[in-house]
Amino acid sequence: MSRNRGFVNVGMNHDTAEFAVESLRWWWRRYGRRNYTGANGWLVCADGGGSNASRSRAWKWHLHKLSGELEIPITVCHYPPGASKWNKIEHRMFSFISMNWQAVPLESYATVVNLIAGTHTRGGLKIGARLDRRMYEKGQKVADDVWSEIPVESHDTNPRWNYTIRPHRPR
């Protein structure tokens, strides 16, 4: 937030856990690693449903793979169901995107991406956008044996919604 920058990954087919994590991965490669060179962990604030639902095994499995690639833990704090509008990103970014494209027919992906990327404010907010052309498979299941290998550490406060995923299981 202090950098006054945002990023939107626009998908073409399904909002899946894999797409959500790929959006995080792409942001890191393009922006994050350059701006946060000393990062030794991530904090992801997520809503409670959809592709990044707190109960989704696929979300946690794909996060675990990303954690391993980056070799850092990823802590996730979910907003309670029905409270995703508390997320600062809704107010700091998406409200301005909506104002920027109001009354414009969203007839193509190029129009959507260009309008999002053209969003800026007098306060200096600038938003990047890209079109993710990859096709993501709906309904991915994580088998019990794979699930048991994912090191998900639930937090003491609201353990269903707050957890840390480490790159590898502690020895």
N, C-alpha and C. Protein backbone atom coordinates (compact mmCIF):
# COMPACT_ATOMS: atom_id res chain seq x y z
N MET A 1 0.83 -1.20 0.00
CA MET A 1 0.00 0.00 0.00
C MET A 1 0.86 1.25 0.00
N SER A 2 1.98 1.24 0.72
CA SER A 2 2.80 2.45 0.79
C SER A 2 3.44 2.77 -0.57
N ARG A 3 3.60 1.79 -1.42
CA ARG A 3 4.15 2.04 -2.76
C ARG A 3 3.09 2.64 -3.69
N ASN A 4 1.84 2.55 -3.30
CA ASN A 4 0.73 3.09 -4.08
C ASN A 4 0.65 2.44 -5.46
N ARG A 5 0.86 1.12 -5.48
CA ARG A 5 0.82 0.35 -6.71
C ARG A 5 -0.10 -0.84 -6.53
N GLY A 6 -0.69 -1.26 -7.62
CA GLY A 6 -1.53 -2.44 -7.60
C GLY A 6 -1.32 -3.25 -8.86
N PHE A 7 -1.83 -4.47 -8.85
CA PHE A 7 -1.69 -5.37 -9.99
C PHE A 7 -2.93 -6.25 -10.08
N VAL A 8 -3.44 -6.45 -11.29
CA VAL A 8 -4.57 -7.34 -11.52
C VAL A 8 -4.19 -8.33 -12.62
N ASN A 9 -4.37 -9.61 -12.34
CA ASN A 9 -4.17 -10.66 -13.31
C ASN A 9 -5.56 -11.04 -13.83
N VAL A 10 -5.83 -10.79 -15.09
CA VAL A 10 -7.14 -11.05 -15.68
C VAL A 10 -7.12 -12.43 -16.32
N GLY A 11 -8.00 -13.30 -15.84
CA GLY A 11 -8.08 -14.66 -16.37
C GLY A 11 -9.10 -14.78 -17.48
N MET A 12 -8.98 -15.88 -18.24
CA MET A 12 -9.87 -16.09 -19.39
C MET A 12 -10.87 -17.21 -19.21
N ASN A 13 -10.68 -18.09 -18.19
CA ASN A 13 -11.68 -19.15 -18.08
C ASN A 13 -12.22 -19.29 -16.66
N HIS A 14 -11.52 -19.94 -15.75
CA HIS A 14 -12.09 -20.23 -14.44
C HIS A 14 -11.24 -19.61 -13.32
N ASP A 15 -11.92 -19.12 -12.30
CA ASP A 15 -11.25 -18.61 -11.10
C ASP A 15 -10.98 -19.82 -10.21
N THR A 16 -9.80 -20.40 -10.36
CA THR A 16 -9.44 -21.59 -9.60
C THR A 16 -8.35 -21.25 -8.60
N ALA A 17 -8.10 -22.18 -7.69
CA ALA A 17 -7.01 -22.02 -6.73
C ALA A 17 -5.68 -21.88 -7.46
N GLU A 18 -5.50 -22.66 -8.50
CA GLU A 18 -4.25 -22.59 -9.27
C GLU A 18 -4.09 -21.21 -9.91
N PHE A 19 -5.17 -20.65 -10.45
CA PHE A 19 -5.13 -19.30 -11.04
C PHE A 19 -4.79 -18.26 -9.97
N ALA A 20 -5.40 -18.37 -8.81
CA ALA A 20 -5.14 -17.41 -7.73
C ALA A 20 -3.67 -17.43 -7.32
N VAL A 21 -3.10 -18.63 -7.17
CA VAL A 21 -1.69 -18.74 -6.77
C VAL A 21 -0.78 -18.32 -7.92
N GLU A 22 -1.16 -18.62 -9.15
CA GLU A 22 -0.36 -18.17 -10.29
C GLU A 22 -0.34 -16.64 -10.36
N SER A 23 -1.42 -16.00 -9.97
CA SER A 23 -1.45 -14.54 -9.92
C SER A 23 -0.44 -14.01 -8.91
N LEU A 24 -0.35 -14.66 -7.76
CA LEU A 24 0.65 -14.28 -6.75
C LEU A 24 2.06 -14.50 -7.29
N ARG A 25 2.25 -15.66 -7.91
CA ARG A 25 3.57 -15.99 -8.48
C ARG A 25 3.97 -14.94 -9.51
N TRP A 26 3.09 -14.59 -10.42
CA TRP A 26 3.40 -13.65 -11.48
C TRP A 26 3.72 -12.27 -10.89
N TRP A 27 2.91 -11.85 -9.91
CA TRP A 27 3.18 -10.56 -9.25
C TRP A 27 4.59 -10.57 -8.65
N TRP A 28 4.98 -11.65 -7.97
CA TRP A 28 6.29 -11.72 -7.35
C TRP A 28 7.39 -11.60 -8.40
N ARG A 29 7.25 -12.35 -9.48
CA ARG A 29 8.30 -12.32 -10.52
C ARG A 29 8.42 -10.95 -11.17
N ARG A 30 7.29 -10.30 -11.38
CA ARG A 30 7.30 -9.01 -12.10
C ARG A 30 7.60 -7.83 -11.19
N TYR A 31 7.06 -7.83 -9.97
CA TYR A 31 7.15 -6.66 -9.09
C TYR A 31 7.79 -6.97 -7.73
N GLY A 32 7.32 -8.01 -7.10
CA GLY A 32 7.66 -8.26 -5.71
C GLY A 32 9.12 -8.46 -5.42
N ARG A 33 9.76 -9.36 -6.14
CA ARG A 33 11.15 -9.68 -5.80
C ARG A 33 12.09 -8.49 -6.00
N ARG A 34 11.71 -7.58 -6.89
CA ARG A 34 12.52 -6.38 -7.11
C ARG A 34 12.34 -5.37 -5.96
N ASN A 35 11.12 -5.27 -5.46
CA ASN A 35 10.80 -4.28 -4.43
C ASN A 35 10.96 -4.79 -3.01
N TYR A 36 10.99 -6.10 -2.82
CA TYR A 36 11.05 -6.68 -1.48
C TYR A 36 12.18 -7.71 -1.42
N THR A 37 13.39 -7.28 -1.73
CA THR A 37 14.52 -8.19 -1.85
C THR A 37 14.84 -8.93 -0.55
N GLY A 38 14.54 -8.36 0.58
CA GLY A 38 14.85 -9.02 1.85
C GLY A 38 13.70 -9.80 2.44
N ALA A 39 12.65 -10.03 1.66
CA ALA A 39 11.47 -10.73 2.19
C ALA A 39 11.84 -12.12 2.67
N ASN A 40 11.45 -12.43 3.90
CA ASN A 40 11.69 -13.77 4.43
C ASN A 40 10.37 -14.48 4.73
N GLY A 41 9.28 -13.96 4.17
CA GLY A 41 7.96 -14.54 4.31
C GLY A 41 6.94 -13.62 3.68
N TRP A 42 5.77 -14.17 3.42
CA TRP A 42 4.66 -13.39 2.88
C TRP A 42 3.49 -13.43 3.83
N LEU A 43 2.69 -12.36 3.80
CA LEU A 43 1.39 -12.34 4.45
C LEU A 43 0.36 -12.10 3.35
N VAL A 44 -0.56 -13.04 3.20
CA VAL A 44 -1.62 -12.92 2.20
C VAL A 44 -2.93 -12.76 2.96
N CYS A 45 -3.62 -11.63 2.72
CA CYS A 45 -4.96 -11.42 3.28
C CYS A 45 -5.95 -11.81 2.20
N ALA A 46 -6.80 -12.76 2.50
CA ALA A 46 -7.69 -13.32 1.48
C ALA A 46 -9.13 -13.34 1.97
N ASP A 47 -10.06 -13.28 1.03
CA ASP A 47 -11.45 -13.43 1.44
C ASP A 47 -11.71 -14.88 1.81
N GLY A 48 -12.92 -15.20 2.16
CA GLY A 48 -13.19 -16.51 2.73
C GLY A 48 -13.72 -17.55 1.77
N GLY A 49 -13.97 -17.19 0.52
CA GLY A 49 -14.58 -18.16 -0.38
C GLY A 49 -13.97 -18.13 -1.76
N GLY A 50 -14.54 -18.93 -2.63
CA GLY A 50 -14.05 -18.97 -4.01
C GLY A 50 -12.74 -19.71 -4.13
N SER A 51 -11.92 -19.25 -5.06
CA SER A 51 -10.68 -19.95 -5.39
C SER A 51 -9.69 -20.00 -4.24
N ASN A 52 -9.75 -19.04 -3.34
CA ASN A 52 -8.82 -19.00 -2.22
C ASN A 52 -9.54 -19.23 -0.89
N ALA A 53 -10.52 -20.08 -0.88
CA ALA A 53 -11.31 -20.35 0.32
C ALA A 53 -10.45 -20.96 1.42
N SER A 54 -10.78 -20.64 2.63
CA SER A 54 -9.99 -21.13 3.77
C SER A 54 -10.04 -22.65 3.90
N ARG A 55 -11.07 -23.30 3.34
CA ARG A 55 -11.19 -24.76 3.44
C ARG A 55 -10.69 -25.48 2.19
N SER A 56 -10.18 -24.73 1.21
CA SER A 56 -9.77 -25.33 -0.06
C SER A 56 -8.40 -26.00 0.05
N ARG A 57 -8.40 -27.31 -0.17
CA ARG A 57 -7.13 -28.04 -0.19
C ARG A 57 -6.28 -27.62 -1.39
N ALA A 58 -6.93 -27.38 -2.53
CA ALA A 58 -6.19 -27.00 -3.73
C ALA A 58 -5.47 -25.67 -3.53
N TRP A 59 -6.12 -24.72 -2.89
CA TRP A 59 -5.50 -23.42 -2.58
C TRP A 59 -4.24 -23.62 -1.74
N LYS A 60 -4.37 -24.42 -0.71
CA LYS A 60 -3.22 -24.65 0.18
C LYS A 60 -2.13 -25.46 -0.51
N TRP A 61 -2.49 -26.40 -1.36
CA TRP A 61 -1.52 -27.20 -2.08
C TRP A 61 -0.71 -26.34 -3.05
N HIS A 62 -1.41 -25.48 -3.80
CA HIS A 62 -0.71 -24.60 -4.74
C HIS A 62 0.14 -23.57 -3.98
N LEU A 63 -0.33 -23.08 -2.84
CA LEU A 63 0.48 -22.18 -2.02
C LEU A 63 1.74 -22.89 -1.51
N HIS A 64 1.58 -24.15 -1.13
CA HIS A 64 2.73 -24.92 -0.66
C HIS A 64 3.78 -25.04 -1.76
N LYS A 65 3.34 -25.30 -2.99
CA LYS A 65 4.28 -25.38 -4.11
C LYS A 65 4.99 -24.04 -4.31
N LEU A 66 4.25 -22.94 -4.22
CA LEU A 66 4.85 -21.61 -4.36
C LEU A 66 5.82 -21.34 -3.23
N SER A 67 5.44 -21.69 -2.03
CA SER A 67 6.32 -21.52 -0.87
C SER A 67 7.64 -22.25 -1.08
N GLY A 68 7.57 -23.45 -1.65
CA GLY A 68 8.78 -24.20 -1.94
C GLY A 68 9.64 -23.54 -3.01
N GLU A 69 9.00 -23.01 -4.04
CA GLU A 69 9.75 -22.31 -5.09
C GLU A 69 10.48 -21.09 -4.54
N LEU A 70 9.80 -20.35 -3.68
CA LEU A 70 10.36 -19.12 -3.13
C LEU A 70 11.24 -19.37 -1.91
N GLU A 71 11.10 -20.56 -1.34
CA GLU A 71 11.82 -20.95 -0.13
C GLU A 71 11.53 -20.02 1.05
N ILE A 72 10.27 -19.63 1.16
CA ILE A 72 9.83 -18.79 2.29
C ILE A 72 8.46 -19.27 2.75
N PRO A 73 8.12 -19.05 4.02
CA PRO A 73 6.78 -19.38 4.49
C PRO A 73 5.76 -18.36 3.98
N ILE A 74 4.54 -18.82 3.80
CA ILE A 74 3.44 -17.96 3.40
C ILE A 74 2.37 -18.05 4.47
N THR A 75 2.09 -16.92 5.11
CA THR A 75 1.03 -16.85 6.12
C THR A 75 -0.21 -16.29 5.47
N VAL A 76 -1.35 -16.94 5.72
CA VAL A 76 -2.62 -16.52 5.15
C VAL A 76 -3.57 -16.18 6.29
N CYS A 77 -4.21 -15.02 6.17
CA CYS A 77 -5.26 -14.61 7.09
C CYS A 77 -6.50 -14.34 6.25
N HIS A 78 -7.54 -15.13 6.49
CA HIS A 78 -8.78 -14.99 5.74
C HIS A 78 -9.73 -14.05 6.47
N TYR A 79 -10.41 -13.23 5.71
CA TYR A 79 -11.50 -12.43 6.27
C TYR A 79 -12.65 -13.39 6.56
N PRO A 80 -13.43 -13.11 7.60
CA PRO A 80 -14.58 -13.99 7.88
C PRO A 80 -15.57 -13.97 6.71
N PRO A 81 -16.36 -15.03 6.57
CA PRO A 81 -17.35 -15.05 5.50
C PRO A 81 -18.23 -13.80 5.54
N GLY A 82 -18.45 -13.22 4.36
CA GLY A 82 -19.28 -12.04 4.26
C GLY A 82 -18.57 -10.73 4.60
N ALA A 83 -17.30 -10.80 4.93
CA ALA A 83 -16.59 -9.60 5.36
C ALA A 83 -15.45 -9.22 4.42
N SER A 84 -15.44 -9.75 3.20
CA SER A 84 -14.32 -9.46 2.30
C SER A 84 -14.27 -7.98 1.92
N LYS A 85 -15.36 -7.27 2.10
CA LYS A 85 -15.36 -5.83 1.79
C LYS A 85 -14.52 -5.05 2.79
N TRP A 86 -14.09 -5.70 3.87
CA TRP A 86 -13.17 -5.04 4.80
C TRP A 86 -11.77 -4.96 4.21
N ASN A 87 -11.50 -5.77 3.21
CA ASN A 87 -10.19 -5.82 2.60
C ASN A 87 -9.84 -4.45 2.02
N LYS A 88 -8.73 -3.91 2.41
CA LYS A 88 -8.32 -2.58 1.96
C LYS A 88 -8.17 -2.49 0.45
N ILE A 89 -7.86 -3.60 -0.18
CA ILE A 89 -7.69 -3.59 -1.64
C ILE A 89 -9.01 -3.23 -2.33
N GLU A 90 -10.13 -3.61 -1.72
CA GLU A 90 -11.43 -3.26 -2.30
C GLU A 90 -11.60 -1.75 -2.38
N HIS A 91 -11.16 -1.07 -1.34
CA HIS A 91 -11.35 0.38 -1.27
C HIS A 91 -10.23 1.13 -1.98
N ARG A 92 -9.00 0.65 -1.86
CA ARG A 92 -7.84 1.36 -2.39
C ARG A 92 -7.63 1.15 -3.89
N MET A 93 -8.19 0.07 -4.43
CA MET A 93 -7.89 -0.23 -5.82
C MET A 93 -9.13 -0.48 -6.66
N PHE A 94 -9.95 -1.45 -6.28
CA PHE A 94 -11.05 -1.85 -7.14
C PHE A 94 -12.12 -0.78 -7.29
N SER A 95 -12.28 0.06 -6.29
CA SER A 95 -13.25 1.15 -6.44
C SER A 95 -12.82 2.09 -7.56
N PHE A 96 -11.52 2.35 -7.69
CA PHE A 96 -11.02 3.23 -8.75
C PHE A 96 -11.07 2.55 -10.12
N ILE A 97 -10.83 1.26 -10.15
CA ILE A 97 -10.98 0.53 -11.42
C ILE A 97 -12.43 0.63 -11.90
N SER A 98 -13.37 0.42 -10.99
CA SER A 98 -14.80 0.50 -11.35
C SER A 98 -15.16 1.89 -11.87
N MET A 99 -14.63 2.92 -11.23
CA MET A 99 -14.91 4.28 -11.71
C MET A 99 -14.30 4.51 -13.09
N ASN A 100 -13.13 3.96 -13.33
CA ASN A 100 -12.43 4.17 -14.59
C ASN A 100 -13.16 3.52 -15.76
N TRP A 101 -13.83 2.40 -15.53
CA TRP A 101 -14.47 1.74 -16.66
C TRP A 101 -15.99 1.88 -16.68
N GLN A 102 -16.51 2.76 -15.81
CA GLN A 102 -17.96 2.94 -15.80
C GLN A 102 -18.45 3.47 -17.15
N ALA A 103 -19.53 2.93 -17.60
CA ALA A 103 -20.20 3.28 -18.86
C ALA A 103 -19.40 2.88 -20.10
N VAL A 104 -18.37 2.07 -19.94
CA VAL A 104 -17.60 1.58 -21.09
C VAL A 104 -17.96 0.10 -21.29
N PRO A 105 -18.43 -0.27 -22.48
CA PRO A 105 -18.72 -1.68 -22.71
C PRO A 105 -17.44 -2.52 -22.63
N LEU A 106 -17.47 -3.53 -21.81
CA LEU A 106 -16.31 -4.42 -21.64
C LEU A 106 -16.43 -5.54 -22.66
N GLU A 107 -16.14 -5.21 -23.92
CA GLU A 107 -16.40 -6.12 -25.03
C GLU A 107 -15.25 -7.06 -25.37
N SER A 108 -14.08 -6.80 -24.82
CA SER A 108 -12.95 -7.66 -25.13
C SER A 108 -11.99 -7.70 -23.94
N TYR A 109 -11.15 -8.72 -23.93
CA TYR A 109 -10.14 -8.79 -22.87
C TYR A 109 -9.19 -7.61 -22.96
N ALA A 110 -8.86 -7.19 -24.18
CA ALA A 110 -7.95 -6.05 -24.35
C ALA A 110 -8.55 -4.80 -23.71
N THR A 111 -9.84 -4.60 -23.88
CA THR A 111 -10.50 -3.44 -23.27
C THR A 111 -10.41 -3.51 -21.75
N VAL A 112 -10.70 -4.67 -21.20
CA VAL A 112 -10.64 -4.84 -19.74
C VAL A 112 -9.23 -4.58 -19.22
N VAL A 113 -8.23 -5.22 -19.82
CA VAL A 113 -6.85 -5.05 -19.36
C VAL A 113 -6.40 -3.60 -19.50
N ASN A 114 -6.70 -2.97 -20.63
CA ASN A 114 -6.29 -1.59 -20.85
C ASN A 114 -6.96 -0.62 -19.88
N LEU A 115 -8.23 -0.85 -19.57
CA LEU A 115 -8.91 0.03 -18.62
C LEU A 115 -8.36 -0.15 -17.21
N ILE A 116 -8.08 -1.39 -16.83
CA ILE A 116 -7.50 -1.61 -15.50
C ILE A 116 -6.12 -0.97 -15.44
N ALA A 117 -5.29 -1.22 -16.45
CA ALA A 117 -3.93 -0.68 -16.45
C ALA A 117 -3.91 0.84 -16.60
N GLY A 118 -4.99 1.42 -17.10
CA GLY A 118 -5.08 2.87 -17.24
C GLY A 118 -5.62 3.56 -15.99
N THR A 119 -5.90 2.79 -14.97
CA THR A 119 -6.44 3.36 -13.74
C THR A 119 -5.33 4.00 -12.92
N HIS A 120 -5.54 5.25 -12.57
CA HIS A 120 -4.63 5.97 -11.67
C HIS A 120 -5.43 7.03 -10.94
N THR A 121 -4.88 7.53 -9.87
CA THR A 121 -5.58 8.53 -9.07
C THR A 121 -4.71 9.77 -8.89
N ARG A 122 -5.33 10.84 -8.44
CA ARG A 122 -4.58 12.06 -8.12
C ARG A 122 -3.58 11.82 -7.00
N GLY A 123 -3.87 10.85 -6.16
CA GLY A 123 -2.98 10.51 -5.06
C GLY A 123 -1.77 9.67 -5.49
N GLY A 124 -1.69 9.34 -6.78
CA GLY A 124 -0.52 8.63 -7.29
C GLY A 124 -0.68 7.13 -7.48
N LEU A 125 -1.86 6.57 -7.17
CA LEU A 125 -2.06 5.14 -7.37
C LEU A 125 -1.94 4.79 -8.84
N LYS A 126 -1.16 3.75 -9.13
CA LYS A 126 -1.03 3.22 -10.49
C LYS A 126 -1.24 1.72 -10.42
N ILE A 127 -1.94 1.20 -11.42
CA ILE A 127 -2.27 -0.22 -11.42
C ILE A 127 -1.74 -0.87 -12.69
N GLY A 128 -1.08 -2.00 -12.53
CA GLY A 128 -0.65 -2.81 -13.66
C GLY A 128 -1.66 -3.91 -13.90
N ALA A 129 -1.72 -4.39 -15.13
CA ALA A 129 -2.65 -5.49 -15.45
C ALA A 129 -2.05 -6.32 -16.57
N ARG A 130 -2.44 -7.58 -16.57
CA ARG A 130 -2.02 -8.48 -17.65
C ARG A 130 -3.12 -9.48 -17.91
N LEU A 131 -3.13 -10.02 -19.11
CA LEU A 131 -4.08 -11.06 -19.47
C LEU A 131 -3.39 -12.41 -19.34
N ASP A 132 -3.92 -13.25 -18.49
CA ASP A 132 -3.40 -14.61 -18.30
C ASP A 132 -4.20 -15.52 -19.24
N ARG A 133 -3.57 -15.96 -20.30
CA ARG A 133 -4.26 -16.76 -21.33
C ARG A 133 -4.31 -18.26 -21.00
N ARG A 134 -3.69 -18.64 -19.92
CA ARG A 134 -3.66 -20.06 -19.56
C ARG A 134 -5.06 -20.56 -19.20
N MET A 135 -5.35 -21.79 -19.55
CA MET A 135 -6.62 -22.40 -19.20
C MET A 135 -6.42 -23.22 -17.92
N TYR A 136 -7.25 -22.97 -16.93
CA TYR A 136 -7.13 -23.63 -15.63
C TYR A 136 -8.26 -24.64 -15.46
N GLU A 137 -7.90 -25.79 -14.95
CA GLU A 137 -8.86 -26.88 -14.77
C GLU A 137 -9.67 -26.67 -13.49
N LYS A 138 -10.97 -26.77 -13.63
CA LYS A 138 -11.85 -26.67 -12.47
C LYS A 138 -11.85 -27.97 -11.68
N GLY A 139 -12.15 -27.87 -10.39
CA GLY A 139 -12.39 -29.04 -9.57
C GLY A 139 -11.19 -29.89 -9.24
N GLN A 140 -10.01 -29.30 -9.19
CA GLN A 140 -8.83 -30.07 -8.81
C GLN A 140 -8.99 -30.62 -7.40
N LYS A 141 -8.67 -31.87 -7.23
CA LYS A 141 -8.74 -32.52 -5.93
C LYS A 141 -7.34 -32.83 -5.44
N VAL A 142 -7.14 -32.71 -4.15
CA VAL A 142 -5.86 -33.05 -3.53
C VAL A 142 -6.09 -34.32 -2.71
N ALA A 143 -5.42 -35.38 -3.10
CA ALA A 143 -5.59 -36.67 -2.43
C ALA A 143 -5.13 -36.60 -0.98
N ASP A 144 -5.68 -37.47 -0.16
CA ASP A 144 -5.35 -37.49 1.27
C ASP A 144 -3.85 -37.65 1.53
N ASP A 145 -3.19 -38.52 0.76
CA ASP A 145 -1.75 -38.74 1.00
C ASP A 145 -0.94 -37.50 0.65
N VAL A 146 -1.34 -36.76 -0.37
CA VAL A 146 -0.66 -35.50 -0.72
C VAL A 146 -0.96 -34.45 0.33
N TRP A 147 -2.22 -34.38 0.73
CA TRP A 147 -2.66 -33.40 1.74
C TRP A 147 -1.89 -33.57 3.05
N SER A 148 -1.65 -34.80 3.44
CA SER A 148 -0.98 -35.05 4.73
C SER A 148 0.47 -34.57 4.72
N GLU A 149 1.04 -34.35 3.54
CA GLU A 149 2.43 -33.89 3.42
C GLU A 149 2.57 -32.37 3.41
N ILE A 150 1.45 -31.65 3.35
CA ILE A 150 1.51 -30.18 3.30
C ILE A 150 1.61 -29.64 4.73
N PRO A 151 2.70 -28.94 5.04
CA PRO A 151 2.88 -28.43 6.40
C PRO A 151 2.07 -27.15 6.65
N VAL A 152 0.80 -27.33 7.01
CA VAL A 152 -0.07 -26.21 7.34
C VAL A 152 -0.09 -26.07 8.86
N GLU A 153 0.38 -24.93 9.35
CA GLU A 153 0.39 -24.66 10.78
C GLU A 153 -0.73 -23.69 11.11
N SER A 154 -1.77 -24.17 11.76
CA SER A 154 -2.87 -23.31 12.15
C SER A 154 -2.44 -22.39 13.29
N HIS A 155 -2.92 -21.17 13.27
CA HIS A 155 -2.60 -20.21 14.31
C HIS A 155 -3.56 -20.38 15.49
N ASP A 156 -3.18 -19.88 16.64
CA ASP A 156 -4.04 -19.99 17.83
C ASP A 156 -5.31 -19.16 17.67
N THR A 157 -5.20 -17.98 17.05
CA THR A 157 -6.36 -17.12 16.85
C THR A 157 -7.04 -17.49 15.54
N ASN A 158 -8.30 -17.84 15.61
CA ASN A 158 -9.09 -18.24 14.44
C ASN A 158 -8.33 -19.23 13.55
N PRO A 159 -8.02 -20.41 14.06
CA PRO A 159 -7.18 -21.36 13.34
C PRO A 159 -7.74 -21.82 11.99
N ARG A 160 -9.03 -21.75 11.78
CA ARG A 160 -9.59 -22.14 10.48
C ARG A 160 -9.27 -21.10 9.41
N TRP A 161 -9.04 -19.86 9.83
CA TRP A 161 -8.84 -18.76 8.88
C TRP A 161 -7.41 -18.24 8.84
N ASN A 162 -6.60 -18.60 9.81
CA ASN A 162 -5.24 -18.07 9.90
C ASN A 162 -4.25 -19.23 10.01
N TYR A 163 -3.32 -19.29 9.09
CA TYR A 163 -2.37 -20.40 9.08
C TYR A 163 -1.12 -19.99 8.31
N THR A 164 -0.07 -20.76 8.52
CA THR A 164 1.19 -20.57 7.79
C THR A 164 1.54 -21.86 7.08
N ILE A 165 1.94 -21.71 5.83
CA ILE A 165 2.39 -22.85 5.04
C ILE A 165 3.89 -22.68 4.82
N ARG A 166 4.63 -23.69 5.21
CA ARG A 166 6.09 -23.63 5.10
C ARG A 166 6.55 -24.38 3.84
N PRO A 167 7.74 -24.03 3.34
CA PRO A 167 8.22 -24.69 2.12
C PRO A 167 8.36 -26.20 2.29
N HIS A 168 8.83 -26.64 3.44
CA HIS A 168 9.03 -28.06 3.67
C HIS A 168 8.59 -28.40 5.09
N ARG A 169 8.24 -29.63 5.28
CA ARG A 169 7.84 -30.08 6.62
C ARG A 169 9.04 -29.96 7.57
N PRO A 170 8.84 -29.33 8.75
CA PRO A 170 9.95 -29.23 9.71
C PRO A 170 10.45 -30.62 10.12
N ARG A 171 11.76 -30.73 10.36
CA ARG A 171 12.33 -32.01 10.74
C ARG A 171 12.12 -32.26 12.21
